Amino acid sequence: PKAKRLRSDPSFDGAFMDMRFSLPLDLSDPLADVGALMNVGDAIKSNYFIMQGEIYFLGIGITIDISVRPGKAEEGGGIMMAFRFTWDVFGVPMAELWGNLDVIPLDIEAMLGLEFSALLDITITVGVGIKPHIINYVFM
């Protein structure tokens, strides 16, 4: 399933988590499944982890959005994480902190095939933002 960012919906307050993790191994007879280890790439490609949440309590708001999906960039594969922290006092914003980490694509099939050129296509994006509104109020 394609992850939808819930931050755009201000009526959402809660958490959501969805994941799938499976490997084609029968642990009762590990020697019989040696051949299955060679096809582990197909099983890993179908795994994913999605967690989204937004909680606001006593003037403190926290938003988390994490998506880990194996696959090419065209398929939406990659690791995408974002967070936002807000602090309000009686509706007046005091501070905001946000950030993101994106690793795109997460092409497990190419990596398991020992295609090291797949590593050259990976893009890592990191962002951090800080708004200390309280400093503006002190110096006004």
C-alpha atoms as a PDB file:
ATOM      1  CA  PRO A   1       0.000   0.000   0.000  1.00  0.00           C
ATOM      2  CA  LYS A   2       1.142   3.491  -0.834  1.00  0.00           C
ATOM      3  CA  ALA A   3       1.675   5.620   2.283  1.00  0.00           C
ATOM      4  CA  LYS A   4      -0.400   8.778   2.587  1.00  0.00           C
ATOM      5  CA  ARG A   5       1.032  11.611   4.628  1.00  0.00           C
ATOM      6  CA  LEU A   6      -1.441  12.340   7.387  1.00  0.00           C
ATOM      7  CA  ARG A   7       0.056  15.677   8.450  1.00  0.00           C
ATOM      8  CA  SER A   8      -2.071  17.451   5.847  1.00  0.00           C
ATOM      9  CA  ASP A   9      -5.233  16.365   7.670  1.00  0.00           C
ATOM     10  CA  PRO A  10      -5.560  18.456  10.865  1.00  0.00           C
ATOM     11  CA  SER A  11      -8.460  16.333  12.112  1.00  0.00           C
ATOM     12  CA  PHE A  12      -6.226  13.274  12.428  1.00  0.00           C
ATOM     13  CA  ASP A  13      -4.900  12.693  15.945  1.00  0.00           C
ATOM     14  CA  GLY A  14      -3.551   9.251  16.659  1.00  0.00           C
ATOM     15  CA  ALA A  15      -1.179   6.667  15.269  1.00  0.00           C
ATOM     16  CA  PHE A  16      -1.087   4.147  12.444  1.00  0.00           C
ATOM     17  CA  MET A  17       1.368   1.315  11.824  1.00  0.00           C
ATOM     18  CA  ASP A  18       1.423  -1.281   9.072  1.00  0.00           C
ATOM     19  CA  MET A  19       4.193  -3.735   8.361  1.00  0.00           C
ATOM     20  CA  ARG A  20       4.986  -6.955   6.575  1.00  0.00           C
ATOM     21  CA  PHE A  21       8.114  -8.980   7.177  1.00  0.00           C
ATOM     22  CA  SER A  22       8.538 -12.490   5.837  1.00  0.00           C
ATOM     23  CA  LEU A  23      11.266 -14.760   4.563  1.00  0.00           C
ATOM     24  CA  PRO A  24      10.713 -18.029   2.629  1.00  0.00           C
ATOM     25  CA  LEU A  25      12.398 -20.236   5.237  1.00  0.00           C
ATOM     26  CA  ASP A  26      11.174 -23.248   7.156  1.00  0.00           C
ATOM     27  CA  LEU A  27      13.039 -23.074  10.456  1.00  0.00           C
ATOM     28  CA  SER A  28      12.125 -26.674  11.370  1.00  0.00           C
ATOM     29  CA  ASP A  29      14.547 -27.980   8.697  1.00  0.00           C
ATOM     30  CA  PRO A  30      17.110 -25.269   7.868  1.00  0.00           C
ATOM     31  CA  LEU A  31      19.232 -27.488   5.581  1.00  0.00           C
ATOM     32  CA  ALA A  32      16.292 -28.191   3.269  1.00  0.00           C
ATOM     33  CA  ASP A  33      15.818 -24.493   2.600  1.00  0.00           C
ATOM     34  CA  VAL A  34      19.310 -23.662   1.368  1.00  0.00           C
ATOM     35  CA  GLY A  35      17.865 -23.222  -2.128  1.00  0.00           C
ATOM     36  CA  ALA A  36      15.236 -20.840  -0.783  1.00  0.00           C
ATOM     37  CA  LEU A  37      17.999 -18.534   0.436  1.00  0.00           C
ATOM     38  CA  MET A  38      18.905 -17.851  -3.189  1.00  0.00           C
ATOM     39  CA  ASN A  39      15.364 -16.539  -3.831  1.00  0.00           C
ATOM     40  CA  VAL A  40      15.189 -14.419  -0.701  1.00  0.00           C
ATOM     41  CA  GLY A  41      15.209 -11.244  -2.813  1.00  0.00           C
ATOM     42  CA  ASP A  42      11.638 -11.813  -4.005  1.00  0.00           C
ATOM     43  CA  ALA A  43      10.401 -12.156  -0.423  1.00  0.00           C
ATOM     44  CA  ILE A  44      12.290  -9.094   0.790  1.00  0.00           C
ATOM     45  CA  LYS A  45      10.849  -6.959  -2.018  1.00  0.00           C
ATOM     46  CA  SER A  46       7.328  -7.562  -0.704  1.00  0.00           C
ATOM     47  CA  ASN A  47       8.189  -6.442   2.853  1.00  0.00           C
ATOM     48  CA  TYR A  48       7.450  -2.936   4.082  1.00  0.00           C
ATOM     49  CA  PHE A  49       7.077  -0.839   7.226  1.00  0.00           C
ATOM     50  CA  ILE A  50       4.863   2.237   7.516  1.00  0.00           C
ATOM     51  CA  MET A  51       4.284   4.230  10.681  1.00  0.00           C
ATOM     52  CA  GLN A  52       2.474   7.538  10.895  1.00  0.00           C
ATOM     53  CA  GLY A  53       1.234   9.397  13.889  1.00  0.00           C
ATOM     54  CA  GLU A  54       0.212  12.788  15.148  1.00  0.00           C
ATOM     55  CA  ILE A  55      -0.357  13.489  18.822  1.00  0.00           C
ATOM     56  CA  TYR A  56      -1.123  16.836  20.413  1.00  0.00           C
ATOM     57  CA  PHE A  57      -1.335  17.045  24.199  1.00  0.00           C
ATOM     58  CA  LEU A  58      -1.056  20.038  26.565  1.00  0.00           C
ATOM     59  CA  GLY A  59       0.470  22.337  23.971  1.00  0.00           C
ATOM     60  CA  ILE A  60       3.010  19.836  22.679  1.00  0.00           C
ATOM     61  CA  GLY A  61       2.529  18.334  19.241  1.00  0.00           C
ATOM     62  CA  ILE A  62       4.512  15.485  17.748  1.00  0.00           C
ATOM     63  CA  THR A  63       4.152  14.192  14.201  1.00  0.00           C
ATOM     64  CA  ILE A  64       6.045  11.163  12.904  1.00  0.00           C
ATOM     65  CA  ASP A  65       5.988   9.718   9.392  1.00  0.00           C
ATOM     66  CA  ILE A  66       8.188   6.706   8.539  1.00  0.00           C
ATOM     67  CA  SER A  67       8.029   4.595   5.393  1.00  0.00           C
ATOM     68  CA  VAL A  68      10.465   1.801   4.469  1.00  0.00           C
ATOM     69  CA  ARG A  69       9.649   0.123   1.171  1.00  0.00           C
ATOM     70  CA  PRO A  70      12.105  -1.893  -0.931  1.00  0.00           C
ATOM     71  CA  GLY A  71      12.065  -1.147  -4.631  1.00  0.00           C
ATOM     72  CA  LYS A  72      13.183   1.185  -7.357  1.00  0.00           C
ATOM     73  CA  ALA A  73      12.506   4.912  -7.128  1.00  0.00           C
ATOM     74  CA  GLU A  74       9.790   4.619  -9.798  1.00  0.00           C
ATOM     75  CA  GLU A  75       7.996   2.068  -7.581  1.00  0.00           C
ATOM     76  CA  GLY A  76       8.133   4.333  -4.521  1.00  0.00           C
ATOM     77  CA  GLY A  77      10.941   2.365  -2.901  1.00  0.00           C
ATOM     78  CA  GLY A  78      13.151   3.919  -0.287  1.00  0.00           C
ATOM     79  CA  ILE A  79      13.435   4.962   3.321  1.00  0.00           C
ATOM     80  CA  MET A  80      11.533   8.154   4.100  1.00  0.00           C
ATOM     81  CA  MET A  81      11.350   9.566   7.616  1.00  0.00           C
ATOM     82  CA  ALA A  82       9.980  12.881   8.804  1.00  0.00           C
ATOM     83  CA  PHE A  83       9.156  14.331  12.197  1.00  0.00           C
ATOM     84  CA  ARG A  84       7.787  17.587  13.563  1.00  0.00           C
ATOM     85  CA  PHE A  85       7.701  18.846  17.134  1.00  0.00           C
ATOM     86  CA  THR A  86       5.699  21.926  18.142  1.00  0.00           C
ATOM     87  CA  TRP A  87       5.314  23.665  21.478  1.00  0.00           C
ATOM     88  CA  ASP A  88       2.442  26.107  22.058  1.00  0.00           C
ATOM     89  CA  VAL A  89       1.389  27.967  25.199  1.00  0.00           C
ATOM     90  CA  PHE A  90      -2.242  29.159  25.127  1.00  0.00           C
ATOM     91  CA  GLY A  91      -2.219  29.002  21.324  1.00  0.00           C
ATOM     92  CA  VAL A  92       1.003  31.035  20.993  1.00  0.00           C
ATOM     93  CA  PRO A  93       3.793  29.084  19.230  1.00  0.00           C
ATOM     94  CA  MET A  94       6.948  28.917  21.347  1.00  0.00           C
ATOM     95  CA  ALA A  95       9.127  26.569  19.291  1.00  0.00           C
ATOM     96  CA  GLU A  96       9.100  24.261  16.291  1.00  0.00           C
ATOM     97  CA  LEU A  97      11.576  21.583  15.318  1.00  0.00           C
ATOM     98  CA  TRP A  98      11.314  19.407  12.221  1.00  0.00           C
ATOM     99  CA  GLY A  99      13.477  17.154  10.132  1.00  0.00           C
ATOM    100  CA  ASN A 100      13.600  14.497   7.486  1.00  0.00           C
ATOM    101  CA  LEU A 101      15.830  11.681   6.271  1.00  0.00           C
ATOM    102  CA  ASP A 102      15.288  10.150   2.843  1.00  0.00           C
ATOM    103  CA  VAL A 103      17.292   7.311   1.272  1.00  0.00           C
ATOM    104  CA  ILE A 104      15.993   6.699  -2.248  1.00  0.00           C
ATOM    105  CA  PRO A 105      15.897   4.161  -3.894  1.00  0.00           C
ATOM    106  CA  LEU A 106      16.133   1.050  -1.732  1.00  0.00           C
ATOM    107  CA  ASP A 107      16.646  -1.399  -4.599  1.00  0.00           C
ATOM    108  CA  ILE A 108      17.149  -4.656  -2.690  1.00  0.00           C
ATOM    109  CA  GLU A 109      17.004  -6.772  -5.857  1.00  0.00           C
ATOM    110  CA  ALA A 110      20.001  -4.996  -7.398  1.00  0.00           C
ATOM    111  CA  MET A 111      21.915  -5.064  -4.115  1.00  0.00           C
ATOM    112  CA  LEU A 112      21.344  -8.821  -3.649  1.00  0.00           C
ATOM    113  CA  GLY A 113      22.500  -9.342  -7.232  1.00  0.00           C
ATOM    114  CA  LEU A 114      25.790  -7.719  -6.189  1.00  0.00           C
ATOM    115  CA  GLU A 115      25.293  -4.888  -8.666  1.00  0.00           C
ATOM    116  CA  PHE A 116      27.383  -2.266  -6.934  1.00  0.00           C
ATOM    117  CA  SER A 117      26.329   0.298  -9.526  1.00  0.00           C
ATOM    118  CA  ALA A 118      22.966   0.338  -7.714  1.00  0.00           C
ATOM    119  CA  LEU A 119      24.723   2.020  -4.792  1.00  0.00           C
ATOM    120  CA  LEU A 120      25.699   4.918  -7.052  1.00  0.00           C
ATOM    121  CA  ASP A 121      22.019   5.702  -7.709  1.00  0.00           C
ATOM    122  CA  ILE A 122      21.174   6.148  -4.008  1.00  0.00           C
ATOM    123  CA  THR A 123      20.304   9.673  -2.936  1.00  0.00           C
ATOM    124  CA  ILE A 124      20.437  10.616   0.740  1.00  0.00           C
ATOM    125  CA  THR A 125      18.607  13.752   1.829  1.00  0.00           C
ATOM    126  CA  VAL A 126      18.752  15.121   5.366  1.00  0.00           C
ATOM    127  CA  GLY A 127      16.966  18.230   6.561  1.00  0.00           C
ATOM    128  CA  VAL A 128      16.549  19.890   9.937  1.00  0.00           C
ATOM    129  CA  GLY A 129      14.673  23.044  10.820  1.00  0.00           C
ATOM    130  CA  ILE A 130      14.425  24.964  14.075  1.00  0.00           C
ATOM    131  CA  LYS A 131      12.153  27.922  14.831  1.00  0.00           C
ATOM    132  CA  PRO A 132      12.661  29.193  18.385  1.00  0.00           C
ATOM    133  CA  HIS A 133       9.722  31.638  18.417  1.00  0.00           C
ATOM    134  CA  ILE A 134      10.302  32.293  22.099  1.00  0.00           C
ATOM    135  CA  ILE A 135      13.508  34.203  21.272  1.00  0.00           C
ATOM    136  CA  ASN A 136      11.510  36.595  19.075  1.00  0.00           C
ATOM    137  CA  TYR A 137       9.139  37.273  21.962  1.00  0.00           C
ATOM    138  CA  VAL A 138      12.039  37.987  24.340  1.00  0.00           C
ATOM    139  CA  PHE A 139      13.677  40.510  22.005  1.00  0.00           C
ATOM    140  CA  MET A 140      10.480  42.352  20.978  1.00  0.00           C
END
